[in-house]
PDB file of all heavy atoms in Angstrom:
ATOM      1  N   LYS A   1      41.383  21.112 -37.903  1.00  0.00           N
ATOM      2  CA  LYS A   1      42.662  21.548 -37.338  1.00  0.00           C
ATOM      3  C   LYS A   1      43.809  21.041 -38.202  1.00  0.00           C
ATOM      4  O   LYS A   1      43.870  19.875 -38.546  1.00  0.00           O
ATOM      5  CB  LYS A   1      42.827  21.021 -35.915  1.00  0.00           C
ATOM      6  CG  LYS A   1      44.075  21.538 -35.247  1.00  0.00           C
ATOM      7  CD  LYS A   1      44.159  21.012 -33.829  1.00  0.00           C
ATOM      8  CE  LYS A   1      45.422  21.468 -33.149  1.00  0.00           C
ATOM      9  NZ  LYS A   1      46.645  21.042 -33.807  1.00  0.00           N
ATOM     10  N   GLU A   2      44.684  21.940 -38.548  1.00  0.00           N
ATOM     11  CA  GLU A   2      45.850  21.554 -39.344  1.00  0.00           C
ATOM     12  C   GLU A   2      46.885  20.890 -38.448  1.00  0.00           C
ATOM     13  O   GLU A   2      46.966  21.167 -37.256  1.00  0.00           O
ATOM     14  CB  GLU A   2      46.428  22.781 -40.041  1.00  0.00           C
ATOM     15  CG  GLU A   2      45.443  23.357 -41.029  1.00  0.00           C
ATOM     16  CD  GLU A   2      46.082  24.329 -41.979  1.00  0.00           C
ATOM     17  OE1 GLU A   2      47.290  24.579 -41.875  1.00  0.00           O
ATOM     18  OE2 GLU A   2      45.344  24.826 -42.834  1.00  0.00           O
ATOM     19  N   GLU A   3      47.672  20.024 -39.032  1.00  0.00           N
ATOM     20  CA  GLU A   3      48.605  19.196 -38.287  1.00  0.00           C
ATOM     21  C   GLU A   3      49.595  19.995 -37.439  1.00  0.00           C
ATOM     22  O   GLU A   3      49.824  19.683 -36.279  1.00  0.00           O
ATOM     23  CB  GLU A   3      49.376  18.316 -39.275  1.00  0.00           C
ATOM     24  CG  GLU A   3      49.777  16.990 -38.706  1.00  0.00           C
ATOM     25  CD  GLU A   3      50.356  16.103 -39.767  1.00  0.00           C
ATOM     26  OE1 GLU A   3      49.612  15.747 -40.701  1.00  0.00           O
ATOM     27  OE2 GLU A   3      51.555  15.793 -39.652  1.00  0.00           O
ATOM     28  N   ASN A   4      50.173  21.024 -37.994  1.00  0.00           N
ATOM     29  CA  ASN A   4      51.209  21.778 -37.280  1.00  0.00           C
ATOM     30  C   ASN A   4      50.679  23.055 -36.622  1.00  0.00           C
ATOM     31  O   ASN A   4      51.451  23.880 -36.160  1.00  0.00           O
ATOM     32  CB  ASN A   4      52.355  22.114 -38.236  1.00  0.00           C
ATOM     33  CG  ASN A   4      51.889  22.928 -39.430  1.00  0.00           C
ATOM     34  OD1 ASN A   4      50.689  23.127 -39.619  1.00  0.00           O
ATOM     35  ND2 ASN A   4      52.817  23.397 -40.224  1.00  0.00           N
ATOM     36  N   GLU A   5      49.376  23.217 -36.550  1.00  0.00           N
ATOM     37  CA  GLU A   5      48.764  24.421 -35.980  1.00  0.00           C
ATOM     38  C   GLU A   5      48.566  24.249 -34.471  1.00  0.00           C
ATOM     39  O   GLU A   5      48.106  23.206 -34.016  1.00  0.00           O
ATOM     40  CB  GLU A   5      47.414  24.669 -36.664  1.00  0.00           C
ATOM     41  CG  GLU A   5      46.745  25.947 -36.295  1.00  0.00           C
ATOM     42  CD  GLU A   5      45.486  26.196 -37.113  1.00  0.00           C
ATOM     43  OE1 GLU A   5      44.875  25.234 -37.600  1.00  0.00           O
ATOM     44  OE2 GLU A   5      45.136  27.377 -37.262  1.00  0.00           O
ATOM     45  N   THR A   6      48.924  25.262 -33.703  1.00  0.00           N
ATOM     46  CA  THR A   6      48.710  25.180 -32.261  1.00  0.00           C
ATOM     47  C   THR A   6      47.221  25.279 -31.953  1.00  0.00           C
ATOM     48  O   THR A   6      46.449  25.836 -32.732  1.00  0.00           O
ATOM     49  CB  THR A   6      49.442  26.310 -31.501  1.00  0.00           C
ATOM     50  OG1 THR A   6      48.845  27.550 -31.854  1.00  0.00           O
ATOM     51  CG2 THR A   6      50.930  26.311 -31.795  1.00  0.00           C
ATOM     52  N   LEU A   7      46.831  24.742 -30.821  1.00  0.00           N
ATOM     53  CA  LEU A   7      45.429  24.758 -30.426  1.00  0.00           C
ATOM     54  C   LEU A   7      44.920  26.182 -30.237  1.00  0.00           C
ATOM     55  O   LEU A   7      43.802  26.513 -30.638  1.00  0.00           O
ATOM     56  CB  LEU A   7      45.241  23.948 -29.139  1.00  0.00           C
ATOM     57  CG  LEU A   7      43.817  23.647 -28.730  1.00  0.00           C
ATOM     58  CD1 LEU A   7      43.074  22.907 -29.825  1.00  0.00           C
ATOM     59  CD2 LEU A   7      43.806  22.853 -27.450  1.00  0.00           C
ATOM     60  N   VAL A   8      45.755  27.039 -29.683  1.00  0.00           N
ATOM     61  CA  VAL A   8      45.364  28.430 -29.450  1.00  0.00           C
ATOM     62  C   VAL A   8      45.106  29.143 -30.779  1.00  0.00           C
ATOM     63  O   VAL A   8      44.081  29.820 -30.945  1.00  0.00           O
ATOM     64  CB  VAL A   8      46.436  29.171 -28.621  1.00  0.00           C
ATOM     65  CG1 VAL A   8      46.149  30.653 -28.550  1.00  0.00           C
ATOM     66  CG2 VAL A   8      46.529  28.577 -27.228  1.00  0.00           C
ATOM     67  N   SER A   9      46.012  28.996 -31.729  1.00  0.00           N
ATOM     68  CA  SER A   9      45.819  29.684 -33.016  1.00  0.00           C
ATOM     69  C   SER A   9      44.639  29.076 -33.783  1.00  0.00           C
ATOM     70  O   SER A   9      43.916  29.794 -34.478  1.00  0.00           O
ATOM     71  CB  SER A   9      47.090  29.664 -33.856  1.00  0.00           C
ATOM     72  OG  SER A   9      47.419  28.363 -34.250  1.00  0.00           O
ATOM     73  N   PHE A  10      44.423  27.772 -33.651  1.00  0.00           N
ATOM     74  CA  PHE A  10      43.287  27.132 -34.305  1.00  0.00           C
ATOM     75  C   PHE A  10      41.964  27.663 -33.758  1.00  0.00           C
ATOM     76  O   PHE A  10      41.070  28.023 -34.519  1.00  0.00           O
ATOM     77  CB  PHE A  10      43.369  25.609 -34.123  1.00  0.00           C
ATOM     78  CG  PHE A  10      42.157  24.872 -34.598  1.00  0.00           C
ATOM     79  CD1 PHE A  10      41.779  24.901 -35.930  1.00  0.00           C
ATOM     80  CD2 PHE A  10      41.388  24.140 -33.715  1.00  0.00           C
ATOM     81  CE1 PHE A  10      40.653  24.213 -36.375  1.00  0.00           C
ATOM     82  CE2 PHE A  10      40.270  23.455 -34.142  1.00  0.00           C
ATOM     83  CZ  PHE A  10      39.904  23.483 -35.477  1.00  0.00           C
ATOM     84  N   LYS A  11      41.847  27.748 -32.439  1.00  0.00           N
ATOM     85  CA  LYS A  11      40.613  28.257 -31.832  1.00  0.00           C
ATOM     86  C   LYS A  11      40.384  29.721 -32.195  1.00  0.00           C
ATOM     87  O   LYS A  11      39.255  30.136 -32.451  1.00  0.00           O
ATOM     88  CB  LYS A  11      40.641  28.084 -30.315  1.00  0.00           C
ATOM     89  CG  LYS A  11      40.401  26.663 -29.891  1.00  0.00           C
ATOM     90  CD  LYS A  11      40.310  26.557 -28.383  1.00  0.00           C
ATOM     91  CE  LYS A  11      39.866  25.186 -27.969  1.00  0.00           C
ATOM     92  NZ  LYS A  11      39.646  25.097 -26.534  1.00  0.00           N
ATOM     93  N   LYS A  12      41.454  30.488 -32.254  1.00  0.00           N
ATOM     94  CA  LYS A  12      41.326  31.897 -32.629  1.00  0.00           C
ATOM     95  C   LYS A  12      40.870  32.018 -34.083  1.00  0.00           C
ATOM     96  O   LYS A  12      40.017  32.843 -34.415  1.00  0.00           O
ATOM     97  CB  LYS A  12      42.659  32.614 -32.419  1.00  0.00           C
ATOM     98  CG  LYS A  12      42.580  34.090 -32.645  1.00  0.00           C
ATOM     99  CD  LYS A  12      43.862  34.783 -32.251  1.00  0.00           C
ATOM    100  CE  LYS A  12      43.681  36.277 -32.406  1.00  0.00           C
ATOM    101  NZ  LYS A  12      44.755  37.024 -31.803  1.00  0.00           N
ATOM    102  N   ARG A  13      41.423  31.188 -34.955  1.00  0.00           N
ATOM    103  CA  ARG A  13      41.033  31.206 -36.363  1.00  0.00           C
ATOM    104  C   ARG A  13      39.572  30.771 -36.524  1.00  0.00           C
ATOM    105  O   ARG A  13      38.819  31.366 -37.307  1.00  0.00           O
ATOM    106  CB  ARG A  13      41.954  30.301 -37.179  1.00  0.00           C
ATOM    107  CG  ARG A  13      41.781  30.443 -38.667  1.00  0.00           C
ATOM    108  CD  ARG A  13      42.961  29.892 -39.439  1.00  0.00           C
ATOM    109  NE  ARG A  13      43.188  28.492 -39.209  1.00  0.00           N
ATOM    110  CZ  ARG A  13      42.862  27.532 -40.093  1.00  0.00           C
ATOM    111  NH1 ARG A  13      42.315  27.842 -41.232  1.00  0.00           N
ATOM    112  NH2 ARG A  13      43.124  26.280 -39.823  1.00  0.00           N
ATOM    113  N   LEU A  14      39.144  29.763 -35.749  1.00  0.00           N
ATOM    114  CA  LEU A  14      37.741  29.341 -35.763  1.00  0.00           C
ATOM    115  C   LEU A  14      36.829  30.495 -35.355  1.00  0.00           C
ATOM    116  O   LEU A  14      35.821  30.768 -35.998  1.00  0.00           O
ATOM    117  CB  LEU A  14      37.520  28.186 -34.786  1.00  0.00           C
ATOM    118  CG  LEU A  14      37.606  26.759 -35.283  1.00  0.00           C
ATOM    119  CD1 LEU A  14      37.434  25.793 -34.126  1.00  0.00           C
ATOM    120  CD2 LEU A  14      36.615  26.464 -36.369  1.00  0.00           C
ATOM    121  N   GLN A  15      37.211  31.162 -34.270  1.00  0.00           N
ATOM    122  CA  GLN A  15      36.389  32.257 -33.759  1.00  0.00           C
ATOM    123  C   GLN A  15      36.329  33.418 -34.763  1.00  0.00           C
ATOM    124  O   GLN A  15      35.259  33.960 -35.027  1.00  0.00           O
ATOM    125  CB  GLN A  15      36.918  32.738 -32.421  1.00  0.00           C
ATOM    126  CG  GLN A  15      36.040  33.795 -31.783  1.00  0.00           C
ATOM    127  CD  GLN A  15      36.511  34.169 -30.394  1.00  0.00           C
ATOM    128  OE1 GLN A  15      37.697  34.113 -30.088  1.00  0.00           O
ATOM    129  NE2 GLN A  15      35.585  34.547 -29.548  1.00  0.00           N
ATOM    130  N   ASN A  16      37.459  33.784 -35.334  1.00  0.00           N
ATOM    131  CA  ASN A  16      37.485  34.878 -36.313  1.00  0.00           C
ATOM    132  C   ASN A  16      36.671  34.531 -37.562  1.00  0.00           C
ATOM    133  O   ASN A  16      35.974  35.380 -38.112  1.00  0.00           O
ATOM    134  CB  ASN A  16      38.920  35.225 -36.696  1.00  0.00           C
ATOM    135  CG  ASN A  16      39.651  35.923 -35.574  1.00  0.00           C
ATOM    136  OD1 ASN A  16      39.049  36.511 -34.700  1.00  0.00           O
ATOM    137  ND2 ASN A  16      40.973  35.822 -35.593  1.00  0.00           N
ATOM    138  N   PHE A  17      36.766  33.280 -38.000  1.00  0.00           N
ATOM    139  CA  PHE A  17      35.985  32.838 -39.154  1.00  0.00           C
ATOM    140  C   PHE A  17      34.491  32.907 -38.836  1.00  0.00           C
ATOM    141  O   PHE A  17      33.691  33.346 -39.655  1.00  0.00           O
ATOM    142  CB  PHE A  17      36.382  31.407 -39.533  1.00  0.00           C
ATOM    143  CG  PHE A  17      35.723  30.901 -40.780  1.00  0.00           C
ATOM    144  CD1 PHE A  17      36.229  31.215 -42.028  1.00  0.00           C
ATOM    145  CD2 PHE A  17      34.589  30.099 -40.711  1.00  0.00           C
ATOM    146  CE1 PHE A  17      35.625  30.743 -43.187  1.00  0.00           C
ATOM    147  CE2 PHE A  17      33.974  29.629 -41.859  1.00  0.00           C
ATOM    148  CZ  PHE A  17      34.494  29.950 -43.100  1.00  0.00           C
ATOM    149  N   ALA A  18      34.124  32.484 -37.637  1.00  0.00           N
ATOM    150  CA  ALA A  18      32.715  32.515 -37.225  1.00  0.00           C
ATOM    151  C   ALA A  18      32.181  33.941 -37.176  1.00  0.00           C
ATOM    152  O   ALA A  18      31.068  34.210 -37.626  1.00  0.00           O
ATOM    153  CB  ALA A  18      32.557  31.846 -35.863  1.00  0.00           C
ATOM    154  N   ILE A  19      32.965  34.850 -36.667  1.00  0.00           N
ATOM    155  CA  ILE A  19      32.549  36.253 -36.593  1.00  0.00           C
ATOM    156  C   ILE A  19      32.415  36.826 -38.005  1.00  0.00           C
ATOM    157  O   ILE A  19      31.430  37.494 -38.316  1.00  0.00           O
ATOM    158  CB  ILE A  19      33.534  37.066 -35.742  1.00  0.00           C
ATOM    159  CG1 ILE A  19      33.399  36.656 -34.268  1.00  0.00           C
ATOM    160  CG2 ILE A  19      33.297  38.563 -35.906  1.00  0.00           C
ATOM    161  CD1 ILE A  19      34.507  37.174 -33.373  1.00  0.00           C
ATOM    162  N   ALA A  20      33.391  36.551 -38.847  1.00  0.00           N
ATOM    163  CA  ALA A  20      33.359  37.063 -40.217  1.00  0.00           C
ATOM    164  C   ALA A  20      32.162  36.531 -40.998  1.00  0.00           C
ATOM    165  O   ALA A  20      31.627  37.220 -41.868  1.00  0.00           O
ATOM    166  CB  ALA A  20      34.657  36.708 -40.940  1.00  0.00           C
ATOM    167  N   ASN A  21      31.733  35.319 -40.677  1.00  0.00           N
ATOM    168  CA  ASN A  21      30.605  34.707 -41.378  1.00  0.00           C
ATOM    169  C   ASN A  21      29.307  34.778 -40.574  1.00  0.00           C
ATOM    170  O   ASN A  21      28.328  34.123 -40.935  1.00  0.00           O
ATOM    171  CB  ASN A  21      30.938  33.249 -41.724  1.00  0.00           C
ATOM    172  CG  ASN A  21      31.945  33.164 -42.837  1.00  0.00           C
ATOM    173  OD1 ASN A  21      31.609  33.336 -43.991  1.00  0.00           O
ATOM    174  ND2 ASN A  21      33.202  32.949 -42.483  1.00  0.00           N
ATOM    175  N   ARG A  22      29.327  35.565 -39.506  1.00  0.00           N
ATOM    176  CA  ARG A  22      28.140  35.828 -38.684  1.00  0.00           C
ATOM    177  C   ARG A  22      27.476  34.573 -38.132  1.00  0.00           C
ATOM    178  O   ARG A  22      26.261  34.427 -38.148  1.00  0.00           O
ATOM    179  CB  ARG A  22      27.133  36.682 -39.443  1.00  0.00           C
ATOM    180  CG  ARG A  22      27.694  38.022 -39.838  1.00  0.00           C
ATOM    181  CD  ARG A  22      26.711  38.824 -40.638  1.00  0.00           C
ATOM    182  NE  ARG A  22      27.325  40.053 -41.095  1.00  0.00           N
ATOM    183  CZ  ARG A  22      27.093  41.246 -40.567  1.00  0.00           C
ATOM    184  NH1 ARG A  22      26.268  41.376 -39.569  1.00  0.00           N
ATOM    185  NH2 ARG A  22      27.687  42.303 -41.049  1.00  0.00           N
ATOM    186  N   PHE A  23      28.303  33.653 -37.641  1.00  0.00           N
ATOM    187  CA  PHE A  23      27.770  32.457 -36.984  1.00  0.00           C
ATOM    188  C   PHE A  23      27.340  32.827 -35.574  1.00  0.00           C
ATOM    189  O   PHE A  23      27.966  33.674 -34.928  1.00  0.00           O
ATOM    190  CB  PHE A  23      28.839  31.372 -36.849  1.00  0.00           C
ATOM    191  CG  PHE A  23      29.226  30.676 -38.127  1.00  0.00           C
ATOM    192  CD1 PHE A  23      28.695  31.020 -39.355  1.00  0.00           C
ATOM    193  CD2 PHE A  23      30.146  29.650 -38.087  1.00  0.00           C
ATOM    194  CE1 PHE A  23      29.070  30.367 -40.513  1.00  0.00           C
ATOM    195  CE2 PHE A  23      30.527  28.986 -39.233  1.00  0.00           C
ATOM    196  CZ  PHE A  23      29.989  29.342 -40.449  1.00  0.00           C
ATOM    197  N   ALA A  24      26.315  32.152 -35.085  1.00  0.00           N
ATOM    198  CA  ALA A  24      25.940  32.290 -33.683  1.00  0.00           C
ATOM    199  C   ALA A  24      27.002  31.573 -32.841  1.00  0.00           C
ATOM    200  O   ALA A  24      27.659  30.647 -33.326  1.00  0.00           O
ATOM    201  CB  ALA A  24      24.579  31.650 -33.445  1.00  0.00           C
ATOM    202  N   ARG A  25      27.190  32.019 -31.624  1.00  0.00           N
ATOM    203  CA  ARG A  25      28.114  31.380 -30.673  1.00  0.00           C
ATOM    204  C   ARG A  25      29.546  31.224 -31.214  1.00  0.00           C
ATOM    205  O   ARG A  25      30.094  30.125 -31.234  1.00  0.00           O
ATOM    206  CB  ARG A  25      27.557  30.027 -30.237  1.00  0.00           C
ATOM    207  CG  ARG A  25      26.242  30.149 -29.555  1.00  0.00           C
ATOM    208  CD  ARG A  25      25.474  28.874 -29.325  1.00  0.00           C
ATOM    209  NE  ARG A  25      26.242  27.680 -29.160  1.00  0.00           N
ATOM    210  CZ  ARG A  25      25.713  26.467 -29.165  1.00  0.00           C
ATOM    211  NH1 ARG A  25      24.423  26.317 -29.316  1.00  0.00           N
ATOM    212  NH2 ARG A  25      26.461  25.408 -29.013  1.00  0.00           N
ATOM    213  N   PRO A  26      30.177  32.300 -31.641  1.00  0.00           N
ATOM    214  CA  PRO A  26      31.511  32.187 -32.238  1.00  0.00           C
ATOM    215  C   PRO A  26      32.591  31.697 -31.271  1.00  0.00           C
ATOM    216  O   PRO A  26      33.612  31.183 -31.721  1.00  0.00           O
ATOM    217  CB  PRO A  26      31.817  33.600 -32.725  1.00  0.00           C
ATOM    218  CG  PRO A  26      30.953  34.481 -31.904  1.00  0.00           C
ATOM    219  CD  PRO A  26      29.711  33.682 -31.611  1.00  0.00           C
ATOM    220  N   ALA A  27      32.366  31.814 -29.971  1.00  0.00           N
ATOM    221  CA  ALA A  27      33.373  31.374 -29.004  1.00  0.00           C
ATOM    222  C   ALA A  27      33.297  29.871 -28.726  1.00  0.00           C
ATOM    223  O   ALA A  27      34.174  29.324 -28.065  1.00  0.00           O
ATOM    224  CB  ALA A  27      33.223  32.146 -27.697  1.00  0.00           C
ATOM    225  N   HIS A  28      32.282  29.208 -29.213  1.00  0.00           N
ATOM    226  CA  HIS A  28      32.103  27.773 -28.982  1.00  0.00           C
ATOM    227  C   HIS A  28      32.700  27.009 -30.158  1.00  0.00           C
ATOM    228  O   HIS A  28      32.066  26.809 -31.187  1.00  0.00           O
ATOM    229  CB  HIS A  28      30.612  27.471 -28.814  1.00  0.00           C
ATOM    230  CG  HIS A  28      30.343  26.136 -28.227  1.00  0.00           C
ATOM    231  ND1 HIS A  28      30.398  24.986 -28.976  1.00  0.00           N
ATOM    232  CD2 HIS A  28      30.033  25.773 -26.971  1.00  0.00           C
ATOM    233  CE1 HIS A  28      30.120  23.966 -28.202  1.00  0.00           C
ATOM    234  NE2 HIS A  28      29.885  24.413 -26.977  1.00  0.00           N
ATOM    235  N   ALA A  29      33.947  26.578 -29.989  1.00  0.00           N
ATOM    236  CA  ALA A  29      34.721  26.009 -31.091  1.00  0.00           C
ATOM    237  C   ALA A  29      34.072  24.776 -31.717  1.00  0.00           C
ATOM    238  O   ALA A  29      34.049  24.643 -32.946  1.00  0.00           O
ATOM    239  CB  ALA A  29      36.126  25.674 -30.615  1.00  0.00           C
ATOM    240  N   ALA A  30      33.538  23.876 -30.907  1.00  0.00           N
ATOM    241  CA  ALA A  30      32.926  22.658 -31.453  1.00  0.00           C
ATOM    242  C   ALA A  30      31.689  22.992 -32.277  1.00  0.00           C
ATOM    243  O   ALA A  30      31.462  22.405 -33.341  1.00  0.00           O
ATOM    244  CB  ALA A  30      32.578  21.694 -30.327  1.00  0.00           C
ATOM    245  N   TYR A  31      30.899  23.949 -31.816  1.00  0.00           N
ATOM    246  CA  TYR A  31      29.709  24.376 -32.560  1.00  0.00           C
ATOM    247  C   TYR A  31      30.114  24.990 -33.902  1.00  0.00           C
ATOM    248  O   TYR A  31      29.528  24.674 -34.938  1.00  0.00           O
ATOM    249  CB  TYR A  31      28.908  25.384 -31.731  1.00  0.00           C
ATOM    250  CG  TYR A  31      27.764  26.010 -32.492  1.00  0.00           C
ATOM    251  CD1 TYR A  31      26.562  25.347 -32.661  1.00  0.00           C
ATOM    252  CD2 TYR A  31      27.901  27.273 -33.063  1.00  0.00           C
ATOM    253  CE1 TYR A  31      25.520  25.915 -33.386  1.00  0.00           C
ATOM    254  CE2 TYR A  31      26.868  27.850 -33.784  1.00  0.00           C
ATOM    255  CZ  TYR A  31      25.675  27.165 -33.937  1.00  0.00           C
ATOM    256  OH  TYR A  31      24.655  27.729 -34.654  1.00  0.00           O
ATOM    257  N   VAL A  32      31.116  25.845 -33.875  1.00  0.00           N
ATOM    258  CA  VAL A  32      31.580  26.503 -35.104  1.00  0.00           C
ATOM    259  C   VAL A  32      32.104  25.461 -36.091  1.00  0.00           C
ATOM    260  O   VAL A  32      31.788  25.507 -37.284  1.00  0.00           O
ATOM    261  CB  VAL A  32      32.657  27.564 -34.788  1.00  0.00           C
ATOM    262  CG1 VAL A  32      33.283  28.098 -36.072  1.00  0.00           C
ATOM    263  CG2 VAL A  32      32.064  28.697 -33.972  1.00  0.00           C
ATOM    264  N   ALA A  33      32.862  24.490 -35.605  1.00  0.00           N
ATOM    265  CA  ALA A  33      33.384  23.434 -36.476  1.00  0.00           C
ATOM    266  C   ALA A  33      32.237  22.650 -37.108  1.00  0.00           C
ATOM    267  O   ALA A  33      32.267  22.350 -38.309  1.00  0.00           O
ATOM    268  CB  ALA A  33      34.294  22.499 -35.691  1.00  0.00           C
ATOM    269  N   ASP A  34      31.212  22.330 -36.325  1.00  0.00           N
ATOM    270  CA  ASP A  34      30.046  21.630 -36.866  1.00  0.00           C
ATOM    271  C   ASP A  34      29.365  22.445 -37.959  1.00  0.00           C
ATOM    272  O   ASP A  34      28.986  21.917 -38.992  1.00  0.00           O
ATOM    273  CB  ASP A  34      29.026  21.322 -35.765  1.00  0.00           C
ATOM    274  CG  ASP A  34      29.415  20.139 -34.913  1.00  0.00           C
ATOM    275  OD1 ASP A  34      30.319  19.381 -35.319  1.00  0.00           O
ATOM    276  OD2 ASP A  34      28.805  19.964 -33.842  1.00  0.00           O
ATOM    277  N   ARG A  35      29.199  23.734 -37.720  1.00  0.00           N
ATOM    278  CA  ARG A  35      28.538  24.607 -38.709  1.00  0.00           C
ATOM    279  C   ARG A  35      29.361  24.693 -39.996  1.00  0.00           C
ATOM    280  O   ARG A  35      28.802  24.692 -41.090  1.00  0.00           O
ATOM    281  CB  ARG A  35      28.315  26.009 -38.139  1.00  0.00           C
ATOM    282  CG  ARG A  35      27.326  26.083 -37.017  1.00  0.00           C
ATOM    283  CD  ARG A  35      25.919  25.679 -37.417  1.00  0.00           C
ATOM    284  NE  ARG A  35      25.389  26.626 -38.373  1.00  0.00           N
ATOM    285  CZ  ARG A  35      24.416  26.351 -39.243  1.00  0.00           C
ATOM    286  NH1 ARG A  35      23.856  25.181 -39.267  1.00  0.00           N
ATOM    287  NH2 ARG A  35      23.991  27.266 -40.090  1.00  0.00           N
ATOM    288  N   ILE A  36      30.670  24.766 -39.874  1.00  0.00           N
ATOM    289  CA  ILE A  36      31.537  24.834 -41.058  1.00  0.00           C
ATOM    290  C   ILE A  36      31.344  23.580 -41.908  1.00  0.00           C
ATOM    291  O   ILE A  36      31.195  23.661 -43.127  1.00  0.00           O
ATOM    292  CB  ILE A  36      33.017  25.022 -40.651  1.00  0.00           C
ATOM    293  CG1 ILE A  36      33.211  26.422 -40.082  1.00  0.00           C
ATOM    294  CG2 ILE A  36      33.945  24.774 -41.836  1.00  0.00           C
ATOM    295  CD1 ILE A  36      34.562  26.648 -39.429  1.00  0.00           C
ATOM    296  N   ILE A  37      31.305  22.422 -41.259  1.00  0.00           N
ATOM    297  CA  ILE A  37      31.113  21.165 -41.974  1.00  0.00           C
ATOM    298  C   ILE A  37      29.707  21.107 -42.576  1.00  0.00           C
ATOM    299  O   ILE A  37      29.539  20.767 -43.749  1.00  0.00           O
ATOM    300  CB  ILE A  37      31.348  19.958 -41.041  1.00  0.00           C
ATOM    301  CG1 ILE A  37      32.784  19.939 -40.517  1.00  0.00           C
ATOM    302  CG2 ILE A  37      30.990  18.646 -41.739  1.00  0.00           C
ATOM    303  CD1 ILE A  37      33.854  19.647 -41.528  1.00  0.00           C
TER     304      ILE A  37
END
């Protein structure tokens, strides 16, 4: 999460990134963050 980014826009960006990269469970923000790392 970027310092000045709102939580809503961060979660939306996580979800969109997950969908674009075909991650399972794109709506689960913590899971997506773990997969990115």
